[in-house]
Amino acid sequence: MNERSRWILHIKELRVAHDVSIFEAEKIALADLAWQRWVGRQIATDERCRRMALRHIRDHGDAALIGHDGTRLFVR
């Protein structure tokens, strides 16, 4: 199983365990430093992940879990 599949499975498991939305599950997942680092690397190096991160920022505005400083994206 690749890392992207592990991330998706982890989010699904968190949603079920905590009965929360995708956004809340992502928030819980990103409290783990290892996942936070992985997401940071992905949004910096994978164009598909970068596009998803930009969409997340557009959809969630100030509440977004991802921030940007010019062209650099980072996990908040």
N, C-alpha and C. Protein backbone atom coordinates (compact mmCIF):
# COMPACT_ATOMS: atom_id res chain seq x y z
N MET A 1 0.86 -1.18 0.00
CA MET A 1 0.00 0.00 0.00
C MET A 1 0.90 1.24 0.00
N ASN A 2 0.63 2.16 -0.91
CA ASN A 2 1.45 3.37 -0.95
C ASN A 2 1.00 4.38 0.11
N GLU A 3 1.80 5.40 0.29
CA GLU A 3 1.53 6.40 1.35
C GLU A 3 0.21 7.13 1.13
N ARG A 4 -0.11 7.46 -0.11
CA ARG A 4 -1.38 8.16 -0.38
C ARG A 4 -2.55 7.30 0.04
N SER A 5 -2.48 6.00 -0.27
CA SER A 5 -3.55 5.08 0.13
C SER A 5 -3.63 4.97 1.65
N ARG A 6 -2.48 4.96 2.31
CA ARG A 6 -2.46 4.92 3.78
C ARG A 6 -3.12 6.16 4.36
N TRP A 7 -2.86 7.33 3.76
CA TRP A 7 -3.46 8.59 4.23
C TRP A 7 -4.99 8.51 4.10
N ILE A 8 -5.46 8.09 2.95
CA ILE A 8 -6.91 8.01 2.71
C ILE A 8 -7.55 7.03 3.69
N LEU A 9 -6.94 5.88 3.88
CA LEU A 9 -7.45 4.89 4.82
C LEU A 9 -7.45 5.45 6.25
N HIS A 10 -6.39 6.16 6.61
CA HIS A 10 -6.30 6.76 7.95
C HIS A 10 -7.44 7.77 8.16
N ILE A 11 -7.71 8.60 7.17
CA ILE A 11 -8.80 9.58 7.28
C ILE A 11 -10.14 8.86 7.42
N LYS A 12 -10.36 7.82 6.63
CA LYS A 12 -11.60 7.05 6.74
C LYS A 12 -11.75 6.45 8.14
N GLU A 13 -10.67 5.89 8.65
CA GLU A 13 -10.72 5.29 10.00
C GLU A 13 -11.02 6.34 11.07
N LEU A 14 -10.41 7.50 10.94
CA LEU A 14 -10.66 8.58 11.91
C LEU A 14 -12.11 9.05 11.84
N ARG A 15 -12.65 9.13 10.63
CA ARG A 15 -14.05 9.56 10.48
C ARG A 15 -14.98 8.60 11.20
N VAL A 16 -14.74 7.31 11.05
CA VAL A 16 -15.59 6.31 11.69
C VAL A 16 -15.38 6.32 13.20
N ALA A 17 -14.15 6.34 13.63
CA ALA A 17 -13.84 6.27 15.07
C ALA A 17 -14.38 7.47 15.83
N HIS A 18 -14.33 8.65 15.21
CA HIS A 18 -14.72 9.88 15.91
C HIS A 18 -16.05 10.46 15.42
N ASP A 19 -16.65 9.83 14.41
CA ASP A 19 -17.91 10.29 13.82
C ASP A 19 -17.82 11.78 13.45
N VAL A 20 -16.81 12.09 12.60
CA VAL A 20 -16.56 13.48 12.22
C VAL A 20 -16.51 13.62 10.69
N SER A 21 -16.48 14.86 10.25
CA SER A 21 -16.38 15.16 8.82
C SER A 21 -14.96 14.90 8.31
N ILE A 22 -14.80 14.95 7.02
CA ILE A 22 -13.46 14.80 6.43
C ILE A 22 -12.53 15.88 6.98
N PHE A 23 -12.99 17.11 7.01
CA PHE A 23 -12.17 18.21 7.51
C PHE A 23 -11.71 17.95 8.94
N GLU A 24 -12.63 17.53 9.80
CA GLU A 24 -12.27 17.25 11.20
C GLU A 24 -11.31 16.07 11.30
N ALA A 25 -11.50 15.06 10.46
CA ALA A 25 -10.59 13.91 10.46
C ALA A 25 -9.19 14.35 10.02
N GLU A 26 -9.11 15.20 9.01
CA GLU A 26 -7.82 15.72 8.57
C GLU A 26 -7.16 16.53 9.67
N LYS A 27 -7.96 17.29 10.39
CA LYS A 27 -7.44 18.08 11.50
C LYS A 27 -6.85 17.18 12.59
N ILE A 28 -7.55 16.09 12.90
CA ILE A 28 -7.06 15.13 13.89
C ILE A 28 -5.77 14.49 13.38
N ALA A 29 -5.77 14.08 12.11
CA ALA A 29 -4.60 13.42 11.54
C ALA A 29 -3.38 14.33 11.56
N LEU A 30 -3.59 15.60 11.26
CA LEU A 30 -2.46 16.54 11.20
C LEU A 30 -1.94 16.94 12.57
N ALA A 31 -2.60 16.50 13.62
CA ALA A 31 -2.07 16.72 14.97
C ALA A 31 -0.89 15.78 15.21
N ASP A 32 -0.78 14.73 14.40
CA ASP A 32 0.34 13.78 14.48
C ASP A 32 1.49 14.34 13.65
N LEU A 33 2.62 14.56 14.29
CA LEU A 33 3.78 15.19 13.64
C LEU A 33 4.25 14.41 12.41
N ALA A 34 4.20 13.09 12.47
CA ALA A 34 4.64 12.28 11.33
C ALA A 34 3.75 12.53 10.11
N TRP A 35 2.43 12.56 10.30
CA TRP A 35 1.53 12.84 9.18
C TRP A 35 1.69 14.28 8.73
N GLN A 36 1.89 15.19 9.66
CA GLN A 36 2.08 16.59 9.31
C GLN A 36 3.29 16.76 8.40
N ARG A 37 4.38 16.09 8.74
CA ARG A 37 5.58 16.15 7.90
C ARG A 37 5.34 15.53 6.53
N TRP A 38 4.64 14.40 6.50
CA TRP A 38 4.36 13.73 5.23
C TRP A 38 3.52 14.63 4.32
N VAL A 39 2.47 15.23 4.88
CA VAL A 39 1.62 16.12 4.08
C VAL A 39 2.45 17.31 3.60
N GLY A 40 3.29 17.86 4.46
CA GLY A 40 4.14 18.98 4.06
C GLY A 40 5.03 18.62 2.88
N ARG A 41 5.62 17.43 2.92
CA ARG A 41 6.46 16.98 1.79
C ARG A 41 5.63 16.79 0.53
N GLN A 42 4.46 16.20 0.69
CA GLN A 42 3.61 15.94 -0.47
C GLN A 42 3.17 17.23 -1.16
N ILE A 43 2.74 18.21 -0.39
CA ILE A 43 2.26 19.45 -1.03
C ILE A 43 3.41 20.25 -1.62
N ALA A 44 4.63 19.96 -1.18
CA ALA A 44 5.80 20.65 -1.72
C ALA A 44 6.34 19.96 -2.98
N THR A 45 6.09 18.65 -3.14
CA THR A 45 6.74 17.91 -4.22
C THR A 45 5.79 17.26 -5.22
N ASP A 46 4.54 17.06 -4.85
CA ASP A 46 3.59 16.35 -5.71
C ASP A 46 2.56 17.36 -6.24
N GLU A 47 2.53 17.54 -7.56
CA GLU A 47 1.63 18.55 -8.16
C GLU A 47 0.16 18.26 -7.86
N ARG A 48 -0.21 17.00 -7.87
CA ARG A 48 -1.61 16.64 -7.57
C ARG A 48 -1.96 17.06 -6.14
N CYS A 49 -1.08 16.78 -5.20
CA CYS A 49 -1.31 17.16 -3.81
C CYS A 49 -1.33 18.68 -3.66
N ARG A 50 -0.47 19.36 -4.39
CA ARG A 50 -0.45 20.82 -4.35
C ARG A 50 -1.79 21.40 -4.81
N ARG A 51 -2.33 20.85 -5.89
CA ARG A 51 -3.64 21.32 -6.38
C ARG A 51 -4.74 21.07 -5.36
N MET A 52 -4.69 19.90 -4.72
CA MET A 52 -5.69 19.59 -3.69
C MET A 52 -5.54 20.54 -2.50
N ALA A 53 -4.31 20.87 -2.13
CA ALA A 53 -4.07 21.79 -1.02
C ALA A 53 -4.60 23.18 -1.35
N LEU A 54 -4.37 23.63 -2.58
CA LEU A 54 -4.89 24.95 -2.99
C LEU A 54 -6.42 24.96 -2.98
N ARG A 55 -7.02 23.87 -3.39
CA ARG A 55 -8.49 23.76 -3.35
C ARG A 55 -8.98 23.79 -1.91
N HIS A 56 -8.27 23.10 -1.02
CA HIS A 56 -8.61 23.09 0.40
C HIS A 56 -8.58 24.52 0.96
N ILE A 57 -7.57 25.28 0.59
CA ILE A 57 -7.45 26.67 1.05
C ILE A 57 -8.63 27.49 0.52
N ARG A 58 -8.96 27.33 -0.75
CA ARG A 58 -10.10 28.07 -1.32
C ARG A 58 -11.40 27.70 -0.61
N ASP A 59 -11.59 26.41 -0.36
CA ASP A 59 -12.84 25.95 0.25
C ASP A 59 -12.98 26.35 1.71
N HIS A 60 -11.87 26.40 2.46
CA HIS A 60 -11.95 26.62 3.90
C HIS A 60 -11.46 27.99 4.37
N GLY A 61 -10.88 28.76 3.49
CA GLY A 61 -10.45 30.11 3.84
C GLY A 61 -9.54 30.15 5.06
N ASP A 62 -9.87 31.02 6.00
CA ASP A 62 -9.04 31.21 7.19
C ASP A 62 -8.98 29.97 8.08
N ALA A 63 -9.96 29.07 7.95
CA ALA A 63 -9.98 27.85 8.76
C ALA A 63 -9.14 26.73 8.14
N ALA A 64 -8.56 26.96 6.97
CA ALA A 64 -7.81 25.92 6.26
C ALA A 64 -6.66 25.38 7.11
N LEU A 65 -6.39 24.11 6.93
CA LEU A 65 -5.30 23.44 7.65
C LEU A 65 -3.98 23.63 6.93
N ILE A 66 -4.04 24.16 5.72
CA ILE A 66 -2.87 24.43 4.90
C ILE A 66 -2.79 25.95 4.72
N GLY A 67 -1.59 26.47 4.81
CA GLY A 67 -1.38 27.89 4.59
C GLY A 67 -0.46 28.10 3.40
N HIS A 68 -0.37 29.34 2.96
CA HIS A 68 0.58 29.64 1.88
C HIS A 68 1.22 30.99 2.11
N ASP A 69 2.47 31.03 1.73
CA ASP A 69 3.28 32.24 1.87
C ASP A 69 3.88 32.49 0.50
N GLY A 70 3.19 33.25 -0.32
CA GLY A 70 3.64 33.42 -1.70
C GLY A 70 3.38 32.15 -2.47
N THR A 71 4.42 31.47 -2.89
CA THR A 71 4.25 30.23 -3.65
C THR A 71 4.47 28.99 -2.78
N ARG A 72 4.90 29.15 -1.55
CA ARG A 72 5.17 28.03 -0.66
C ARG A 72 3.92 27.65 0.12
N LEU A 73 3.60 26.36 0.12
CA LEU A 73 2.48 25.84 0.92
C LEU A 73 3.04 25.15 2.15
N PHE A 74 2.30 25.21 3.25
CA PHE A 74 2.74 24.57 4.49
C PHE A 74 1.54 24.15 5.32
N VAL A 75 1.76 23.18 6.20
CA VAL A 75 0.74 22.72 7.11
C VAL A 75 0.73 23.67 8.30
N ARG A 76 -0.45 24.14 8.64
CA ARG A 76 -0.56 25.08 9.78
C ARG A 76 -0.53 24.34 11.09
